Structures are given as structure tokens and as C-alpha cells.
C-alpha atoms as a PDB file:
ATOM      1  CA  MET A   1      11.599 -14.420   5.375  1.00  0.00           C
ATOM      2  CA  PRO A   2      11.947 -10.829   4.052  1.00  0.00           C
ATOM      3  CA  ARG A   3      12.560  -8.209   6.692  1.00  0.00           C
ATOM      4  CA  LEU A   4       9.950  -5.521   7.249  1.00  0.00           C
ATOM      5  CA  LYS A   5      11.690  -2.218   7.776  1.00  0.00           C
ATOM      6  CA  GLY A   6      10.339   1.248   8.337  1.00  0.00           C
ATOM      7  CA  PRO A   7       6.882   2.599   7.633  1.00  0.00           C
ATOM      8  CA  LEU A   8       4.273   0.889   5.503  1.00  0.00           C
ATOM      9  CA  CYS A   9       2.370   2.391   2.587  1.00  0.00           C
ATOM     10  CA  GLN A  10      -0.910   3.586   4.055  1.00  0.00           C
ATOM     11  CA  SER A  11      -2.811   2.363   1.002  1.00  0.00           C
ATOM     12  CA  CYS A  12      -1.432  -1.113   0.232  1.00  0.00           C
ATOM     13  CA  GLY A  13       0.745  -2.002   3.234  1.00  0.00           C
ATOM     14  CA  LEU A  14       3.971  -2.453   1.231  1.00  0.00           C
ATOM     15  CA  PRO A  15       7.000  -1.624   3.368  1.00  0.00           C
ATOM     16  CA  LEU A  16       8.282   1.660   1.916  1.00  0.00           C
ATOM     17  CA  SER A  17      11.790   0.193   2.210  1.00  0.00           C
ATOM     18  CA  ARG A  18      10.753  -2.282  -0.538  1.00  0.00           C
ATOM     19  CA  ASP A  19       9.569   0.477  -2.912  1.00  0.00           C
ATOM     20  CA  PRO A  20      12.251   0.956  -5.605  1.00  0.00           C
ATOM     21  CA  ALA A  21      11.254   4.623  -5.952  1.00  0.00           C
ATOM     22  CA  GLY A  22      11.431   5.216  -2.194  1.00  0.00           C
ATOM     23  CA  GLY A  23       7.788   6.294  -1.969  1.00  0.00           C
ATOM     24  CA  GLY A  24       5.093   7.974  -3.987  1.00  0.00           C
ATOM     25  CA  SER A  25       5.217  11.595  -5.089  1.00  0.00           C
ATOM     26  CA  ASN A  26       3.324  14.577  -3.731  1.00  0.00           C
ATOM     27  CA  PRO A  27       1.856  17.283  -6.010  1.00  0.00           C
ATOM     28  CA  ASP A  28       5.022  19.388  -5.602  1.00  0.00           C
ATOM     29  CA  GLY A  29       7.242  16.455  -6.617  1.00  0.00           C
ATOM     30  CA  THR A  30       8.539  15.697  -3.123  1.00  0.00           C
ATOM     31  CA  ARG A  31       8.599  12.093  -1.905  1.00  0.00           C
ATOM     32  CA  SER A  32       5.577  10.910   0.062  1.00  0.00           C
ATOM     33  CA  GLY A  33       6.439   9.313   3.378  1.00  0.00           C
ATOM     34  CA  GLU A  34       2.936   7.890   3.623  1.00  0.00           C
ATOM     35  CA  TYR A  35       2.283   6.136   0.295  1.00  0.00           C
ATOM     36  CA  CYS A  36       4.350   4.018  -2.106  1.00  0.00           C
ATOM     37  CA  SER A  37       4.986   4.831  -5.750  1.00  0.00           C
ATOM     38  CA  HIS A  38       2.650   2.032  -6.854  1.00  0.00           C
ATOM     39  CA  CYS A  39      -0.304   3.684  -5.094  1.00  0.00           C
ATOM     40  CA  TYR A  40       0.417   7.410  -5.201  1.00  0.00           C
ATOM     41  CA  GLN A  41       1.911   9.607  -7.926  1.00  0.00           C
ATOM     42  CA  GLN A  42       1.903  13.399  -8.258  1.00  0.00           C
ATOM     43  CA  GLY A  43      -0.518  13.684  -5.346  1.00  0.00           C
ATOM     44  CA  TRP A  44      -3.107  11.262  -6.710  1.00  0.00           C
ATOM     45  CA  PHE A  45      -3.930   7.628  -6.055  1.00  0.00           C
ATOM     46  CA  THR A  46      -3.031   5.561  -9.100  1.00  0.00           C
ATOM     47  CA  GLU A  47      -6.214   3.492  -8.648  1.00  0.00           C
ATOM     48  CA  PRO A  48      -8.702   5.931  -7.100  1.00  0.00           C
ATOM     49  CA  ASN A  49     -11.688   3.596  -7.409  1.00  0.00           C
ATOM     50  CA  ILE A  50     -10.143   0.340  -6.184  1.00  0.00           C
ATOM     51  CA  SER A  51     -12.013  -1.356  -3.362  1.00  0.00           C
ATOM     52  CA  VAL A  52     -10.318  -2.435  -0.176  1.00  0.00           C
ATOM     53  CA  ASP A  53     -11.050  -6.090  -1.051  1.00  0.00           C
ATOM     54  CA  ASP A  54      -9.400  -5.710  -4.466  1.00  0.00           C
ATOM     55  CA  MET A  55      -6.406  -3.996  -2.855  1.00  0.00           C
ATOM     56  CA  MET A  56      -6.057  -6.886  -0.411  1.00  0.00           C
ATOM     57  CA  ALA A  57      -6.111  -9.436  -3.254  1.00  0.00           C
ATOM     58  CA  GLN A  58      -3.577  -7.458  -5.307  1.00  0.00           C
ATOM     59  CA  MET A  59      -1.222  -7.103  -2.373  1.00  0.00           C
ATOM     60  CA  LYS A  60      -1.306 -10.782  -1.489  1.00  0.00           C
ATOM     61  CA  ALA A  61      -0.189 -11.533  -5.044  1.00  0.00           C
ATOM     62  CA  LYS A  62       2.441  -8.762  -5.055  1.00  0.00           C
ATOM     63  CA  LEU A  63       3.923  -9.827  -1.719  1.00  0.00           C
ATOM     64  CA  ARG A  64       4.193 -13.405  -2.988  1.00  0.00           C
ATOM     65  CA  GLU A  65       6.116 -12.061  -6.034  1.00  0.00           C
ATOM     66  CA  LEU A  66       8.474 -10.386  -3.546  1.00  0.00           C
ATOM     67  CA  HIS A  67       9.055 -13.812  -1.929  1.00  0.00           C
ATOM     68  CA  PHE A  68       6.988 -13.219   1.194  1.00  0.00           C
ATOM     69  CA  SER A  69       5.553 -16.471   2.582  1.00  0.00           C
ATOM     70  CA  TRP A  70       1.883 -17.142   1.879  1.00  0.00           C
ATOM     71  CA  ASP A  71       1.060 -16.801   5.595  1.00  0.00           C
ATOM     72  CA  LEU A  72       2.888 -13.491   5.944  1.00  0.00           C
ATOM     73  CA  ALA A  73       1.345 -12.115   2.723  1.00  0.00           C
ATOM     74  CA  ARG A  74      -2.115 -13.063   4.009  1.00  0.00           C
ATOM     75  CA  LYS A  75      -1.475 -11.509   7.429  1.00  0.00           C
ATOM     76  CA  LEU A  76      -0.179  -8.277   5.927  1.00  0.00           C
ATOM     77  CA  ALA A  77      -3.107  -8.070   3.499  1.00  0.00           C
ATOM     78  CA  GLN A  78      -5.523  -8.469   6.414  1.00  0.00           C
ATOM     79  CA  GLN A  79      -4.067  -5.267   7.894  1.00  0.00           C
ATOM     80  CA  ILE A  80      -4.969  -3.160   4.844  1.00  0.00           C
ATOM     81  CA  PRO A  81      -8.440  -2.096   6.119  1.00  0.00           C
ATOM     82  CA  ARG A  82      -6.685  -0.511   9.128  1.00  0.00           C
ATOM     83  CA  LEU A  83      -4.386   1.677   6.991  1.00  0.00           C
ATOM     84  CA  THR A  84      -5.035   5.423   6.762  1.00  0.00           C
ATOM     85  CA  ARG A  85      -6.479   5.384   3.240  1.00  0.00           C
ATOM     86  CA  TRP A  86      -9.146   2.856   4.167  1.00  0.00           C
ATOM     87  CA  PHE A  87      -9.619   3.472   7.866  1.00  0.00           C
ATOM     88  CA  SER A  88     -10.331   7.188   7.410  1.00  0.00           C
ATOM     89  CA  ALA A  89     -12.591   6.796   4.353  1.00  0.00           C
ATOM     90  CA  PRO A  90     -16.276   7.564   4.977  1.00  0.00           C
ATOM     91  CA  ALA A  91     -18.658   4.611   4.723  1.00  0.00           C
ATOM     92  CA  GLY A  92     -19.260   3.710   1.096  1.00  0.00           C
ATOM     93  CA  ASN A  93     -16.067   5.437  -0.093  1.00  0.00           C
ATOM     94  CA  SER A  94     -13.228   3.142  -1.116  1.00  0.00           C
ATOM     95  CA  GLY A  95     -10.638   5.829  -1.337  1.00  0.00           C
END
């Protein structure tokens, strides 16, 4: 089973240690310690209108590609609604 190290992306739940770019980028070009490069570039979400349900489905598939077990991918995807991007969004706002 892959090891989960360090913080998780607060949009998709990907361990930032598994992000080849080391994290997303802030508007000033610095590395984001909160979001991965798949979700956040130059201070913007790459998919600003994605729903939490669609993000969960995408991440299950992505984690399977990274050789996570089906059970672990499902469990991690179930945590997505609790991440900062989704947890702090006002009702009716997916991001």
C-alpha cells in the first residue's frame, strides 16, 4: 500500500508528497502548501466549477492510477467534503 506522507491537498485530498510539482502555485509564483498542482495554479483553481461529487469520482480514479487499493481510494475520496475548499464553501457554492 502506498504511504501517505505529509499534508493533503485541501481540494482533492492527494498527498502533496505525491504531487510531482510539489504543490500548486500561488499568484506570486510561490509553492502552495495547501493545494496540489492539479487543483491550483497561479492562485486559481484549475476546475473552479467542479462539484464535490465530481471531485470525489475523479480522485477515486486518480488514486487507483497511483496504485492505491480500491478501499483506500474510496476512503480517501470520502474525506474530500471535509477538506478546506469544500468545508468552508457557502451552501450552494462548489468552490
